[in-house]
Protein backbone atom coordinates (compact mmCIF):
# COMPACT_ATOMS: atom_id res chain seq x y z
CA MET A 1 -43.88 212.64 -8.23
CA ASN A 2 -46.95 211.14 -6.40
CA GLY A 3 -46.31 213.88 -3.72
CA ILE A 4 -46.31 216.51 -6.44
CA ALA A 5 -49.23 215.25 -8.04
CA LEU A 6 -51.11 215.37 -4.85
CA ALA A 7 -50.09 218.70 -4.11
CA ALA A 8 -51.04 219.88 -7.27
CA ALA A 9 -54.58 218.30 -7.18
CA SER A 10 -55.24 219.66 -3.60
CA ALA A 11 -54.24 223.26 -4.97
CA VAL A 12 -56.29 223.25 -8.12
CA GLY A 13 -59.05 221.78 -6.24
CA ALA A 14 -59.18 224.70 -3.57
CA VAL A 15 -58.63 227.17 -6.48
CA LEU A 16 -61.51 225.72 -8.26
CA LEU A 17 -63.85 225.79 -5.21
CA ALA A 18 -63.32 229.34 -4.65
CA ALA A 19 -63.09 230.74 -8.40
CA GLY A 20 -66.21 228.33 -9.28
CA ALA A 21 -68.49 229.28 -6.78
CA ALA A 22 -67.60 233.35 -7.27
CA LEU A 23 -68.06 232.92 -11.12
CA GLY A 24 -71.13 230.86 -10.78
CA ARG A 25 -72.74 233.45 -8.65
CA ILE A 26 -71.99 235.83 -11.44
CA SER A 27 -73.05 233.63 -13.98
CA ALA A 28 -76.50 233.23 -12.47
CA ARG A 29 -77.24 237.10 -12.52
CA ARG A 30 -76.79 237.16 -16.38
CA GLY A 31 -80.49 236.49 -16.94
CA PRO A 32 -82.36 234.01 -19.13
CA GLN A 33 -80.98 235.43 -22.65
CA ALA A 34 -77.50 234.53 -21.46
CA ALA A 35 -78.53 231.11 -20.21
CA GLU A 36 -79.98 230.40 -23.58
CA LEU A 37 -76.47 231.25 -25.17
CA ASP A 38 -74.26 229.41 -22.69
CA LEU A 39 -74.08 225.54 -22.38
CA GLY A 40 -74.11 223.71 -18.88
CA THR A 41 -75.07 225.16 -15.48
CA PRO A 42 -73.35 228.40 -14.05
CA VAL A 43 -71.11 226.07 -12.05
CA GLU A 44 -69.98 224.13 -14.78
CA ARG A 45 -69.23 227.16 -16.97
CA ALA A 46 -67.28 228.55 -13.87
CA THR A 47 -65.39 225.27 -13.75
CA PHE A 48 -64.43 225.22 -17.26
CA HIS A 49 -63.32 228.69 -17.24
CA THR A 50 -61.04 228.37 -14.21
CA LEU A 51 -59.48 225.17 -15.65
CA HIS A 52 -58.82 226.93 -19.09
CA THR A 53 -57.26 229.90 -17.34
CA ALA A 54 -55.22 227.73 -15.14
CA SER A 55 -54.16 225.71 -18.45
CA LEU A 56 -52.96 229.13 -20.05
CA ALA A 57 -51.04 230.15 -16.81
CA ALA A 58 -49.15 226.84 -16.45
CA PRO A 59 -46.85 226.69 -19.61
CA PRO A 60 -45.12 229.93 -18.69
CA LEU A 61 -44.55 228.73 -15.26
CA ARG A 62 -43.23 225.50 -16.43
CA ALA A 63 -40.16 227.40 -17.88
CA GLY A 64 -39.25 228.57 -14.23
CA LEU A 65 -39.47 231.97 -12.50
CA THR A 66 -38.17 234.57 -14.49
CA GLU A 67 -39.26 238.21 -15.34
CA GLU A 68 -40.62 236.97 -18.72
CA THR A 69 -42.39 233.93 -17.52
CA ALA A 70 -43.92 235.87 -14.51
CA GLY A 71 -45.25 238.54 -16.83
CA ARG A 72 -46.85 236.08 -19.26
CA ALA A 73 -48.50 234.30 -16.11
CA ALA A 74 -49.40 237.12 -13.82
CA GLY A 75 -52.54 238.11 -15.43
CA ARG A 76 -54.03 234.72 -15.72
CA LEU A 77 -53.16 234.16 -11.91
CA ARG A 78 -54.88 237.45 -11.15
CA SER A 79 -58.11 236.22 -13.03
CA LEU A 80 -58.35 232.84 -11.15
CA LEU A 81 -58.28 234.94 -7.89
CA GLY A 82 -60.45 237.55 -9.00
CA THR A 83 -58.70 240.17 -7.03
CA GLU A 84 -57.70 243.85 -7.66
CA ALA A 85 -54.06 243.31 -8.35
CA LEU A 86 -51.48 240.56 -8.12
CA CYS A 87 -47.75 240.62 -8.12
CA LEU A 88 -44.96 237.97 -8.25
CA THR A 89 -41.50 238.54 -6.94
CA ASP A 90 -37.85 236.65 -6.83
CA ARG A 91 -36.30 235.07 -3.76
CA ASP A 92 -34.82 238.64 -3.12
CA GLY A 93 -38.27 240.56 -3.11
CA ALA A 94 -37.67 242.29 -6.30
CA VAL A 95 -41.05 242.66 -8.45
CA LEU A 96 -41.03 240.26 -11.41
CA ALA A 97 -44.35 241.26 -12.75
CA TRP A 98 -47.23 243.42 -11.69
CA ASP A 99 -50.62 243.04 -13.10
CA GLY A 100 -53.65 245.28 -11.88
CA PRO A 101 -53.67 249.06 -10.84
CA GLY A 102 -51.76 250.74 -8.44
CA GLY A 103 -48.30 249.45 -9.24
CA GLY A 104 -47.07 252.71 -9.56
CA HIS A 105 -47.03 253.68 -5.83
CA HIS A 106 -47.31 249.97 -4.42
CA ARG A 107 -44.02 248.57 -6.13
CA GLY A 108 -41.71 250.36 -4.03
CA ALA A 109 -43.11 248.51 -0.79
CA VAL A 110 -43.17 245.16 -2.03
CA THR A 111 -39.79 244.11 -1.15
CA GLU A 112 -40.29 245.12 2.66
CA LEU A 113 -43.86 243.65 2.53
CA VAL A 114 -42.33 240.24 1.58
CA ALA A 115 -39.35 240.09 3.29
CA GLY A 116 -40.72 238.06 6.45
CA THR A 117 -42.18 235.53 4.00
CA LEU A 118 -39.32 234.97 2.07
CA ALA A 119 -37.28 234.56 5.18
CA SER A 120 -39.54 232.08 7.23
CA GLY A 121 -41.51 230.46 4.22
CA ARG A 122 -44.66 231.41 6.02
CA GLY A 123 -47.38 233.43 4.27
CA ARG A 124 -48.74 236.48 5.91
CA SER A 125 -51.59 239.20 5.52
CA ALA A 126 -51.16 242.99 5.97
CA ARG A 127 -52.54 246.40 5.14
CA ALA A 128 -51.33 247.70 2.12
CA GLY A 129 -50.27 250.90 3.69
CA CYS A 130 -51.66 253.25 0.85
CA GLY A 131 -52.36 256.81 1.46
CA ASP A 132 -54.08 257.22 -1.86
CA VAL A 133 -57.97 257.37 -1.05
CA ASP A 134 -58.96 256.35 -4.66
CA CYS A 135 -56.62 253.50 -4.68
CA PRO A 136 -58.49 250.01 -4.33
CA LEU A 137 -55.51 248.23 -3.07
CA ARG A 138 -56.08 248.22 0.76
CA TRP A 139 -55.03 244.84 1.92
CA ALA A 140 -52.23 242.38 0.52
CA VAL A 141 -51.78 238.49 1.36
CA VAL A 142 -48.21 237.41 0.72
CA ALA A 143 -47.98 233.64 -0.07
CA PRO A 144 -44.38 232.00 -0.69
CA LEU A 145 -43.54 230.18 -3.99
CA THR A 146 -41.30 227.22 -3.13
CA GLY A 147 -39.33 224.75 -4.68
CA GLU A 148 -36.45 222.00 -4.15
CA ASP A 149 -34.16 224.70 -3.18
CA GLY A 150 -36.37 226.26 -0.62
CA VAL A 151 -38.40 229.68 -1.22
CA LEU A 152 -38.06 230.94 -4.69
CA GLY A 153 -40.09 234.27 -4.44
CA ALA A 154 -43.51 235.34 -3.33
CA LEU A 155 -47.22 235.94 -4.84
CA VAL A 156 -48.84 239.03 -3.46
CA ALA A 157 -52.71 239.48 -4.11
CA TYR A 158 -54.19 242.87 -3.30
CA GLY A 159 -57.78 243.28 -2.23
CA SER A 160 -60.02 246.14 -1.11
CA ARG A 161 -60.59 244.84 2.18
CA GLU A 162 -59.26 242.24 4.72
CA SER A 163 -60.79 238.70 3.72
CA ALA A 164 -60.20 235.12 4.81
CA VAL A 165 -61.33 233.83 1.63
CA LEU A 166 -58.38 235.64 -0.54
CA VAL A 167 -56.14 234.40 2.18
CA ARG A 168 -56.96 230.92 1.58
CA ALA A 169 -57.20 231.27 -2.29
CA ALA A 170 -53.83 233.05 -2.56
CA THR A 171 -52.20 230.31 -0.40
CA GLU A 172 -53.69 227.49 -2.57
CA LEU A 173 -53.02 229.55 -5.67
CA ALA A 174 -49.29 229.93 -4.40
CA ARG A 175 -49.06 226.06 -4.01
CA TRP A 176 -50.25 225.33 -7.36
CA VAL A 177 -47.68 227.87 -8.64
CA SER A 178 -44.97 226.02 -6.74
CA VAL A 179 -45.91 222.74 -8.15
CA GLN A 180 -45.30 224.18 -11.61
CA LEU A 181 -41.88 225.71 -10.73
CA GLU A 182 -40.94 222.12 -9.27
CA LEU A 183 -42.22 220.66 -12.67
CA ALA A 184 -40.05 223.14 -14.26
CA GLU A 185 -36.90 221.97 -12.02
CA LEU A 186 -37.64 218.48 -12.89
CA ASP A 187 -37.54 219.19 -16.72
CA ARG A 188 -34.28 221.06 -16.25
CA SER A 189 -32.87 217.95 -14.15
CA ARG A 190 -33.90 215.61 -17.15
CA THR A 191 -32.29 217.95 -19.30
CA ARG A 192 -29.21 217.81 -17.42
CA ILE A 193 -29.17 213.86 -17.00
CA VAL A 194 -29.72 213.57 -20.79
CA GLU A 195 -26.77 215.81 -21.34
CA ALA A 196 -24.69 213.96 -19.01
CA GLU A 197 -25.65 210.91 -20.65
CA ILE A 198 -24.60 211.98 -23.90
CA ARG A 199 -21.22 213.34 -22.49
CA ALA A 200 -20.50 209.69 -21.19
CA LEU A 201 -21.30 208.25 -24.67
CA ARG A 202 -18.96 210.96 -26.29
CA ALA A 203 -16.28 210.13 -23.67
CA GLN A 204 -16.42 206.42 -24.60
CA ILE A 205 -16.38 207.07 -28.20
CA SER A 206 -13.51 209.73 -27.96
CA PRO A 207 -10.28 207.85 -26.79
CA HIS A 208 -10.75 204.42 -28.15
CA PHE A 209 -12.39 205.11 -31.29
CA ILE A 210 -10.22 208.19 -32.14
CA PHE A 211 -7.07 206.35 -31.67
CA ASN A 212 -7.84 203.39 -33.66
CA SER A 213 -9.26 205.62 -36.48
CA LEU A 214 -6.28 207.72 -36.73
CA ALA A 215 -3.98 204.71 -36.67
CA ALA A 216 -5.92 202.97 -39.49
CA ILE A 217 -5.83 206.28 -41.71
CA ALA A 218 -2.14 206.72 -40.96
CA SER A 219 -1.49 203.19 -42.36
CA PHE A 220 -3.12 204.21 -45.76
CA VAL A 221 -1.16 207.70 -46.19
CA ARG A 222 1.96 206.01 -48.12
CA THR A 223 0.13 203.12 -49.75
CA ASP A 224 -3.25 204.77 -50.68
CA PRO A 225 -3.06 208.43 -50.29
CA GLU A 226 -6.55 208.63 -51.78
CA GLN A 227 -8.13 206.24 -49.45
CA ALA A 228 -6.38 207.94 -46.57
CA ARG A 229 -8.03 211.39 -47.79
CA GLU A 230 -11.66 209.84 -48.02
CA LEU A 231 -11.21 208.05 -44.65
CA LEU A 232 -10.18 211.76 -43.03
CA LEU A 233 -13.24 213.37 -44.67
CA GLU A 234 -15.39 210.31 -43.36
CA PHE A 235 -13.51 210.84 -39.76
CA ALA A 236 -14.06 214.76 -39.80
CA ASP A 237 -17.89 214.34 -40.38
CA PHE A 238 -18.32 211.67 -37.79
CA THR A 239 -16.67 213.54 -35.24
CA ARG A 240 -18.25 216.84 -35.98
CA TYR A 241 -21.88 215.18 -35.69
CA SER A 242 -21.18 212.98 -32.43
CA PHE A 243 -19.66 216.14 -30.75
CA ARG A 244 -22.36 218.58 -31.74
CA ARG A 245 -23.57 220.86 -28.90
CA HIS A 246 -27.48 221.17 -29.95
CA GLY A 247 -30.40 219.09 -29.90
CA GLU A 248 -31.43 215.90 -27.76
CA PHE A 249 -32.89 214.18 -31.01
CA ALA A 250 -31.96 213.53 -34.60
CA GLN A 251 -33.50 212.11 -37.81
CA LEU A 252 -32.77 208.40 -38.36
CA ALA A 253 -31.30 209.33 -41.67
CA ASP A 254 -28.55 211.49 -39.80
CA GLU A 255 -27.95 208.57 -37.36
CA LEU A 256 -27.62 206.10 -39.93
CA ARG A 257 -25.20 208.37 -42.09
CA ALA A 258 -22.95 208.77 -38.87
CA ILE A 259 -23.09 204.92 -38.48
CA GLU A 260 -22.09 204.49 -42.15
CA GLN A 261 -18.92 206.71 -41.38
CA TYR A 262 -18.08 204.85 -38.26
CA LEU A 263 -18.35 201.75 -40.25
CA ALA A 264 -16.08 203.00 -43.02
CA LEU A 265 -13.53 203.68 -40.53
CA ALA A 266 -14.04 200.53 -38.88
CA GLY A 267 -13.49 198.83 -41.98
CA ALA A 268 -10.16 200.55 -42.85
CA ARG A 269 -9.05 199.10 -39.65
CA PHE A 270 -10.38 195.47 -39.75
CA GLY A 271 -10.55 194.85 -43.76
CA ASP A 272 -12.25 192.04 -45.00
CA ARG A 273 -13.00 190.48 -41.40
CA LEU A 274 -15.85 193.07 -41.09
CA LYS A 275 -18.80 192.45 -43.27
CA VAL A 276 -21.89 194.96 -43.11
CA THR A 277 -25.38 194.40 -44.49
CA LEU A 278 -27.93 197.64 -44.37
CA GLN A 279 -31.57 197.02 -45.05
CA ILE A 280 -33.08 200.42 -44.59
CA ALA A 281 -36.91 201.17 -45.43
CA PRO A 282 -36.90 204.60 -46.92
CA GLU A 283 -40.09 205.69 -45.32
CA VAL A 284 -38.62 205.45 -41.70
CA LEU A 285 -35.63 207.70 -42.41
CA PRO A 286 -37.50 211.16 -41.14
CA VAL A 287 -38.46 209.61 -37.96
CA ALA A 288 -36.76 211.41 -34.72
CA LEU A 289 -34.91 209.49 -32.24
CA PRO A 290 -32.57 210.15 -29.41
CA PHE A 291 -29.19 211.57 -30.38
CA LEU A 292 -26.42 209.03 -30.42
CA CYS A 293 -29.05 206.27 -29.76
CA LEU A 294 -27.98 203.67 -32.56
CA GLN A 295 -24.37 204.05 -32.94
CA PRO A 296 -23.26 202.77 -29.40
CA LEU A 297 -25.32 199.51 -30.64
CA VAL A 298 -23.11 199.16 -33.69
CA GLU A 299 -20.05 199.74 -32.05
CA ASN A 300 -20.97 197.34 -29.62
CA ALA A 301 -21.59 194.94 -32.38
CA VAL A 302 -18.23 195.43 -33.66
CA LYS A 303 -16.34 194.97 -30.60
CA HIS A 304 -17.84 191.88 -29.66
CA GLY A 305 -17.87 190.65 -33.09
CA LEU A 306 -14.18 191.37 -34.20
CA GLU A 307 -12.21 192.63 -31.35
CA ASP A 308 -12.97 189.83 -28.98
CA SER A 309 -12.79 187.26 -31.74
CA ALA A 310 -10.26 186.08 -34.07
CA GLU A 311 -12.76 185.30 -36.99
CA GLY A 312 -14.54 187.59 -39.19
CA CYS A 313 -17.95 189.25 -38.39
CA ARG A 314 -21.04 190.22 -40.05
CA VAL A 315 -23.14 193.01 -39.07
CA THR A 316 -26.54 193.61 -39.99
CA ILE A 317 -28.50 196.76 -39.51
CA ALA A 318 -32.13 196.75 -40.71
CA ALA A 319 -34.89 199.42 -40.03
CA ARG A 320 -38.24 198.72 -41.14
CA ASP A 321 -41.89 200.45 -40.69
CA ALA A 322 -44.21 198.89 -38.26
CA GLY A 323 -47.33 201.23 -38.52
CA ALA A 324 -46.85 203.56 -35.71
CA GLU A 325 -43.52 202.59 -35.10
CA ALA A 326 -40.14 202.26 -36.83
CA VAL A 327 -38.12 198.97 -35.58
CA VAL A 328 -34.41 199.01 -35.86
CA VAL A 329 -32.39 195.78 -35.54
CA VAL A 330 -28.69 195.72 -35.02
CA GLU A 331 -27.21 191.98 -35.34
CA ASP A 332 -23.86 190.52 -35.36
CA ASP A 333 -22.73 186.69 -35.37
CA GLY A 334 -19.72 187.47 -33.05
CA VAL A 335 -19.01 186.09 -29.68
CA GLY A 336 -22.31 187.14 -27.81
CA MET A 337 -22.74 187.37 -24.15
CA ASP A 338 -24.02 185.27 -21.13
CA PRO A 339 -27.69 186.38 -20.35
CA GLU A 340 -27.24 186.84 -16.79
CA ALA A 341 -24.11 189.04 -17.47
CA LEU A 342 -26.05 191.13 -19.82
CA ARG A 343 -28.95 191.39 -17.20
CA ALA A 344 -26.18 192.60 -14.70
CA LEU A 345 -25.02 195.10 -17.29
CA LEU A 346 -28.55 196.77 -17.87
CA ARG A 347 -29.20 196.75 -14.09
CA GLY A 348 -26.09 199.24 -13.94
CA ASP A 349 -23.50 196.54 -12.41
CA ARG A 350 -21.04 197.61 -15.25
CA PRO A 351 -17.84 195.48 -15.73
CA ALA A 352 -15.09 197.55 -16.24
CA GLY A 353 -14.58 198.16 -19.87
CA SER A 354 -17.90 197.08 -21.39
CA GLY A 355 -21.22 197.78 -21.98
CA LEU A 356 -21.49 201.54 -21.14
CA GLY A 357 -23.15 202.05 -24.66
CA LEU A 358 -26.11 199.33 -24.11
CA SER A 359 -27.12 200.57 -20.62
CA ASN A 360 -27.03 204.15 -21.67
CA VAL A 361 -28.82 203.80 -24.49
CA ASP A 362 -31.80 201.33 -22.59
CA GLU A 363 -31.83 204.20 -19.97
CA ARG A 364 -32.56 206.87 -22.33
CA LEU A 365 -35.09 205.05 -24.62
CA ARG A 366 -37.21 204.19 -21.50
CA GLN A 367 -36.76 207.85 -20.10
CA VAL A 368 -37.98 209.31 -23.49
CA TYR A 369 -40.79 206.85 -24.42
CA GLY A 370 -41.72 204.83 -21.58
CA ALA A 371 -40.58 201.57 -19.81
CA GLU A 372 -41.88 199.17 -22.62
CA TYR A 373 -39.46 200.90 -25.04
CA GLY A 374 -36.27 199.64 -23.71
CA LEU A 375 -33.93 197.53 -25.52
CA VAL A 376 -34.64 194.07 -26.72
CA ILE A 377 -31.57 191.88 -26.77
CA GLU A 378 -31.01 188.27 -27.74
CA THR A 379 -27.86 186.69 -27.13
CA GLY A 380 -26.02 183.78 -25.64
CA ALA A 381 -22.29 182.63 -25.37
CA GLY A 382 -20.90 182.12 -28.69
CA ALA A 383 -24.44 182.89 -30.44
CA GLY A 384 -24.04 186.61 -31.63
CA MET A 385 -26.27 189.30 -30.39
CA LYS A 386 -29.48 190.67 -31.88
CA VAL A 387 -30.59 194.19 -30.40
CA THR A 388 -34.10 195.49 -31.40
CA VAL A 389 -35.09 199.04 -30.70
CA ARG A 390 -38.73 200.20 -31.32
CA ILE A 391 -39.18 203.84 -31.97
CA PRO A 392 -42.63 205.66 -32.10
CA LYS A 393 -42.87 207.80 -35.11
CA TYR A 394 -44.83 210.58 -33.09
CA ARG A 395 -44.14 211.62 -29.57
CA PRO A 396 -44.96 214.89 -28.08
CA GLY A 397 -41.41 216.90 -27.52
CA VAL A 398 -39.51 214.36 -29.78
CA HIS A 399 -38.40 216.28 -32.74
CA PRO A 400 -34.77 216.66 -34.24
CA ALA A 401 -33.03 219.87 -33.82
CA PRO A 402 -33.11 222.29 -37.08
């Protein structure tokens, strides 16, 4: 990311230098009346205008290079350059968006114009080849748009004459656009990683938990049909929630409801050996958090509290308000874990058959909220385990699916 940040700074700096100087000269000619109305020097006003325009052009590009996003960004990009016309193409040379005059008779020549740049990744400038004496588009600068997969398309800036300033400005602007496209790819990669992690959690839940739950329900079919019916409904709701296909985030209330269903099914299997205490502050129920973030912690508590022990176990789940954060604690009095083994687990050295949920949740929390929001785990051999999760109540981009 440092390389991307440096590229972005270089590109924006060059664009600001060119656009700021040009707009500064324009502003200086407005006269004393305009000076009384505007705040700052001409260069300051030009800088603000350029930054504002760039901020408007960036969001569409952060969604990738498509016909829709190119159409929304092209006008802003042309405004940054101050050129007569501008177009964006895909990697095949097809025009995604055109802004400015001359599109009617210049579009057909774009594919051939950009072919060399798309093949080599090097920019070029050439005559626009227009036979219309009234058309202002006489010269074209072609700059490649690149990403991790190579050349993604081209930016073509049209001017009324050959200009070294336009060549440099168009090249720097294309680099800035390329940075936005790389960030878009990083966003998509992050989404794919999160989806893969959720699929990993589901894979952990499905074979082990489903088999045991159905076996427990089957044991009640003859002895207590009504109990079997209630457990089947709980099982259906839990699996429907756990295997839903939309949304990276959920409300704490929904996660806790899924946990209650999980504990009802676990209780049917373990009976009086499992004791559960819930202490939930109502004001934290609407807080959004990563989907399937808490259930693995409770499953870990049940597993190490009961499956690895012949004794009973008490699991306590508490959620409280802590100002700008909600704090959730999952605690059990089971067999616990050696601290060094736990550290190895969270580093990714996963012993077969254990701990996928803990490391997965820890990674997802750090990705969403930052390194300081990883799991805090207190444990020892024979001393149970206490897992604390801090969740910011408000974080940009974190909101439950509708």
